[in-house]
Amino acid sequence: MSDTQERVDSRLLIRLVEQSIPQSEVDARLFSGDDHFEMRVISPLFVGKSKVAQHQMVYQALGDHMRGRVHALKLKTYTPEQWRQTANKE
């Protein structure tokens, strides 16, 4: 596999999460090198779930990319209400 084929683009990660977690709002970007990402996911499907369960949903959506091409993921998940409260504080 060439270097460009091995790299993961943040748009791909966003698409994978949006397809796996309907009604989600996803933002992702590289923050270091070409394999360290940060991601914010807002979804009504997170309501009533622990942070661990929310993160597991995202990791499941990213699948094999988390085992190889994504070295680090700084992940923040929110329900829509949590996001409104967070956004109002900033």
N, C-alpha and C. Protein backbone atom coordinates (compact mmCIF):
# COMPACT_ATOMS: atom_id res chain seq x y z
N MET A 1 0.84 -1.17 0.00
CA MET A 1 0.00 0.00 0.00
C MET A 1 0.88 1.24 0.00
N SER A 2 0.54 2.23 -0.82
CA SER A 2 1.34 3.45 -0.85
C SER A 2 1.05 4.31 0.36
N ASP A 3 1.91 5.31 0.56
CA ASP A 3 1.76 6.20 1.72
C ASP A 3 0.41 6.92 1.68
N THR A 4 -0.01 7.35 0.50
CA THR A 4 -1.29 8.07 0.41
C THR A 4 -2.46 7.15 0.68
N GLN A 5 -2.37 5.88 0.34
CA GLN A 5 -3.45 4.94 0.62
C GLN A 5 -3.54 4.63 2.12
N GLU A 6 -2.41 4.69 2.81
CA GLU A 6 -2.40 4.36 4.23
C GLU A 6 -2.88 5.51 5.10
N ARG A 7 -2.79 6.71 4.61
CA ARG A 7 -3.23 7.85 5.40
C ARG A 7 -4.74 7.91 5.48
N VAL A 8 -5.22 8.38 6.59
CA VAL A 8 -6.65 8.56 6.80
C VAL A 8 -6.94 10.04 6.78
N ASP A 9 -7.96 10.39 6.11
CA ASP A 9 -8.41 11.78 5.99
C ASP A 9 -9.53 12.01 6.99
N SER A 10 -9.57 13.18 7.61
CA SER A 10 -10.62 13.45 8.60
C SER A 10 -12.01 13.37 7.98
N ARG A 11 -12.13 13.67 6.70
CA ARG A 11 -13.45 13.56 6.04
C ARG A 11 -13.95 12.12 6.02
N LEU A 12 -13.04 11.17 5.87
CA LEU A 12 -13.42 9.75 5.91
C LEU A 12 -13.92 9.39 7.30
N LEU A 13 -13.22 9.83 8.33
CA LEU A 13 -13.64 9.53 9.70
C LEU A 13 -15.02 10.12 9.98
N ILE A 14 -15.23 11.34 9.54
CA ILE A 14 -16.54 11.98 9.73
C ILE A 14 -17.62 11.16 9.05
N ARG A 15 -17.39 10.79 7.82
CA ARG A 15 -18.37 10.01 7.05
C ARG A 15 -18.68 8.67 7.73
N LEU A 16 -17.67 7.99 8.22
CA LEU A 16 -17.88 6.70 8.89
C LEU A 16 -18.78 6.85 10.12
N VAL A 17 -18.53 7.89 10.92
CA VAL A 17 -19.33 8.10 12.13
C VAL A 17 -20.75 8.51 11.76
N GLU A 18 -20.89 9.42 10.80
CA GLU A 18 -22.22 9.86 10.40
C GLU A 18 -23.07 8.71 9.84
N GLN A 19 -22.44 7.79 9.14
CA GLN A 19 -23.17 6.64 8.59
C GLN A 19 -23.57 5.66 9.69
N SER A 20 -22.73 5.52 10.69
CA SER A 20 -22.98 4.54 11.74
C SER A 20 -23.87 5.08 12.85
N ILE A 21 -23.81 6.39 13.09
CA ILE A 21 -24.60 7.01 14.16
C ILE A 21 -25.51 8.05 13.51
N PRO A 22 -26.71 7.64 13.11
CA PRO A 22 -27.62 8.56 12.43
C PRO A 22 -27.92 9.78 13.29
N GLN A 23 -28.20 10.88 12.63
CA GLN A 23 -28.55 12.15 13.27
C GLN A 23 -27.38 12.76 14.04
N SER A 24 -26.17 12.30 13.78
CA SER A 24 -25.03 12.85 14.50
C SER A 24 -24.46 14.06 13.76
N GLU A 25 -23.88 14.94 14.54
CA GLU A 25 -23.10 16.06 14.02
C GLU A 25 -21.65 15.75 14.38
N VAL A 26 -20.79 15.70 13.39
CA VAL A 26 -19.41 15.27 13.62
C VAL A 26 -18.44 16.31 13.08
N ASP A 27 -17.43 16.60 13.87
CA ASP A 27 -16.35 17.47 13.44
C ASP A 27 -15.06 16.74 13.80
N ALA A 28 -14.14 16.68 12.86
CA ALA A 28 -12.86 16.01 13.12
C ALA A 28 -11.75 16.75 12.38
N ARG A 29 -10.57 16.70 12.97
CA ARG A 29 -9.41 17.30 12.33
C ARG A 29 -8.14 16.65 12.86
N LEU A 30 -7.09 16.76 12.06
CA LEU A 30 -5.77 16.35 12.50
C LEU A 30 -5.26 17.36 13.52
N PHE A 31 -4.60 16.88 14.57
CA PHE A 31 -3.99 17.84 15.49
C PHE A 31 -2.50 17.60 15.66
N SER A 32 -1.98 16.51 15.12
CA SER A 32 -0.55 16.26 15.19
C SER A 32 -0.18 15.19 14.16
N GLY A 33 0.85 15.46 13.39
CA GLY A 33 1.28 14.48 12.40
C GLY A 33 0.18 14.16 11.41
N ASP A 34 0.16 12.92 10.94
CA ASP A 34 -0.88 12.53 9.99
C ASP A 34 -1.76 11.40 10.53
N ASP A 35 -1.65 11.14 11.84
CA ASP A 35 -2.47 10.06 12.40
C ASP A 35 -2.99 10.34 13.81
N HIS A 36 -2.92 11.60 14.24
CA HIS A 36 -3.45 12.02 15.55
C HIS A 36 -4.64 12.96 15.28
N PHE A 37 -5.82 12.52 15.64
CA PHE A 37 -7.03 13.26 15.34
C PHE A 37 -7.74 13.69 16.61
N GLU A 38 -8.53 14.76 16.47
CA GLU A 38 -9.48 15.10 17.51
C GLU A 38 -10.86 15.14 16.86
N MET A 39 -11.86 14.72 17.60
CA MET A 39 -13.20 14.59 17.05
C MET A 39 -14.23 14.97 18.10
N ARG A 40 -15.26 15.66 17.62
CA ARG A 40 -16.42 15.98 18.46
C ARG A 40 -17.64 15.35 17.78
N VAL A 41 -18.43 14.61 18.57
CA VAL A 41 -19.63 13.97 18.05
C VAL A 41 -20.80 14.35 18.95
N ILE A 42 -21.85 14.87 18.33
CA ILE A 42 -23.07 15.24 19.04
C ILE A 42 -24.19 14.38 18.47
N SER A 43 -24.90 13.66 19.33
CA SER A 43 -25.96 12.79 18.84
C SER A 43 -27.05 12.58 19.87
N PRO A 44 -28.30 12.59 19.43
CA PRO A 44 -29.39 12.24 20.35
C PRO A 44 -29.34 10.78 20.76
N LEU A 45 -28.63 9.96 20.01
CA LEU A 45 -28.52 8.54 20.37
C LEU A 45 -27.63 8.33 21.60
N PHE A 46 -26.93 9.37 22.04
CA PHE A 46 -26.10 9.28 23.24
C PHE A 46 -26.90 9.48 24.53
N VAL A 47 -28.13 9.96 24.40
CA VAL A 47 -28.95 10.22 25.59
C VAL A 47 -29.11 8.92 26.39
N GLY A 48 -28.84 9.01 27.70
CA GLY A 48 -28.98 7.86 28.59
C GLY A 48 -27.80 6.90 28.57
N LYS A 49 -26.78 7.18 27.76
CA LYS A 49 -25.60 6.31 27.69
C LYS A 49 -24.44 6.96 28.44
N SER A 50 -23.62 6.13 29.04
CA SER A 50 -22.42 6.64 29.71
C SER A 50 -21.42 7.14 28.65
N LYS A 51 -20.45 7.93 29.10
CA LYS A 51 -19.39 8.38 28.18
C LYS A 51 -18.67 7.19 27.56
N VAL A 52 -18.44 6.17 28.35
CA VAL A 52 -17.76 4.97 27.83
C VAL A 52 -18.58 4.36 26.70
N ALA A 53 -19.88 4.22 26.90
CA ALA A 53 -20.75 3.64 25.87
C ALA A 53 -20.78 4.53 24.62
N GLN A 54 -20.80 5.85 24.83
CA GLN A 54 -20.79 6.78 23.70
C GLN A 54 -19.50 6.62 22.89
N HIS A 55 -18.38 6.56 23.59
CA HIS A 55 -17.08 6.40 22.92
C HIS A 55 -17.01 5.06 22.21
N GLN A 56 -17.55 4.03 22.80
CA GLN A 56 -17.55 2.71 22.15
C GLN A 56 -18.33 2.75 20.84
N MET A 57 -19.42 3.51 20.81
CA MET A 57 -20.20 3.65 19.58
C MET A 57 -19.34 4.29 18.48
N VAL A 58 -18.57 5.31 18.84
CA VAL A 58 -17.73 5.98 17.86
C VAL A 58 -16.60 5.05 17.41
N TYR A 59 -15.95 4.38 18.36
CA TYR A 59 -14.87 3.46 18.00
C TYR A 59 -15.38 2.35 17.09
N GLN A 60 -16.56 1.87 17.36
CA GLN A 60 -17.15 0.82 16.51
C GLN A 60 -17.36 1.36 15.09
N ALA A 61 -17.81 2.60 14.99
CA ALA A 61 -18.03 3.21 13.68
C ALA A 61 -16.71 3.34 12.91
N LEU A 62 -15.63 3.63 13.61
CA LEU A 62 -14.33 3.80 12.95
C LEU A 62 -13.67 2.48 12.61
N GLY A 63 -14.11 1.42 13.26
CA GLY A 63 -13.67 0.06 12.92
C GLY A 63 -12.17 -0.11 12.87
N ASP A 64 -11.70 -0.73 11.81
CA ASP A 64 -10.29 -1.07 11.66
C ASP A 64 -9.36 0.14 11.61
N HIS A 65 -9.90 1.31 11.29
CA HIS A 65 -9.05 2.50 11.26
C HIS A 65 -8.45 2.78 12.64
N MET A 66 -9.15 2.41 13.69
CA MET A 66 -8.63 2.62 15.05
C MET A 66 -7.51 1.64 15.38
N ARG A 67 -7.43 0.56 14.66
CA ARG A 67 -6.40 -0.43 14.94
C ARG A 67 -5.11 -0.21 14.15
N GLY A 68 -5.12 0.72 13.22
CA GLY A 68 -3.92 0.88 12.43
C GLY A 68 -3.64 2.29 11.98
N ARG A 69 -4.53 2.86 11.23
CA ARG A 69 -4.25 4.13 10.59
C ARG A 69 -4.44 5.34 11.50
N VAL A 70 -5.26 5.20 12.52
CA VAL A 70 -5.45 6.30 13.49
C VAL A 70 -4.66 5.92 14.74
N HIS A 71 -3.60 6.66 15.00
CA HIS A 71 -2.76 6.33 16.14
C HIS A 71 -3.36 6.87 17.44
N ALA A 72 -3.95 8.06 17.36
CA ALA A 72 -4.53 8.67 18.56
C ALA A 72 -5.81 9.41 18.18
N LEU A 73 -6.78 9.35 19.07
CA LEU A 73 -8.05 10.04 18.86
C LEU A 73 -8.45 10.74 20.16
N LYS A 74 -8.47 12.05 20.12
CA LYS A 74 -8.97 12.85 21.24
C LYS A 74 -10.46 13.03 20.96
N LEU A 75 -11.28 12.34 21.72
CA LEU A 75 -12.71 12.24 21.42
C LEU A 75 -13.55 12.92 22.49
N LYS A 76 -14.48 13.76 22.05
CA LYS A 76 -15.46 14.37 22.94
C LYS A 76 -16.85 14.06 22.37
N THR A 77 -17.71 13.53 23.23
CA THR A 77 -19.07 13.20 22.80
C THR A 77 -20.07 13.95 23.67
N TYR A 78 -21.18 14.32 23.04
CA TYR A 78 -22.22 15.09 23.73
C TYR A 78 -23.60 14.67 23.23
N THR A 79 -24.57 14.76 24.10
CA THR A 79 -25.96 14.75 23.66
C THR A 79 -26.23 16.17 23.16
N PRO A 80 -27.31 16.39 22.39
CA PRO A 80 -27.61 17.76 21.96
C PRO A 80 -27.76 18.73 23.13
N GLU A 81 -28.39 18.30 24.21
CA GLU A 81 -28.57 19.17 25.38
C GLU A 81 -27.23 19.49 26.03
N GLN A 82 -26.35 18.49 26.18
CA GLN A 82 -25.02 18.73 26.75
C GLN A 82 -24.24 19.72 25.88
N TRP A 83 -24.37 19.58 24.57
CA TRP A 83 -23.66 20.48 23.67
C TRP A 83 -24.19 21.91 23.80
N ARG A 84 -25.50 22.08 23.89
CA ARG A 84 -26.08 23.42 24.07
C ARG A 84 -25.54 24.05 25.36
N GLN A 85 -25.48 23.27 26.42
CA GLN A 85 -24.97 23.80 27.69
C GLN A 85 -23.49 24.17 27.57
N THR A 86 -22.71 23.34 26.90
CA THR A 86 -21.29 23.59 26.72
C THR A 86 -21.08 24.81 25.84
N ALA A 87 -21.82 24.89 24.75
CA ALA A 87 -21.67 26.01 23.81
C ALA A 87 -22.06 27.33 24.46
N ASN A 88 -23.05 27.31 25.34
CA ASN A 88 -23.48 28.54 26.02
C ASN A 88 -22.45 29.04 27.01
N LYS A 89 -21.59 28.16 27.52
CA LYS A 89 -20.56 28.55 28.48
C LYS A 89 -19.38 29.23 27.81
N GLU A 90 -19.20 28.93 26.52
CA GLU A 90 -18.02 29.45 25.81
C GLU A 90 -18.25 30.82 25.25
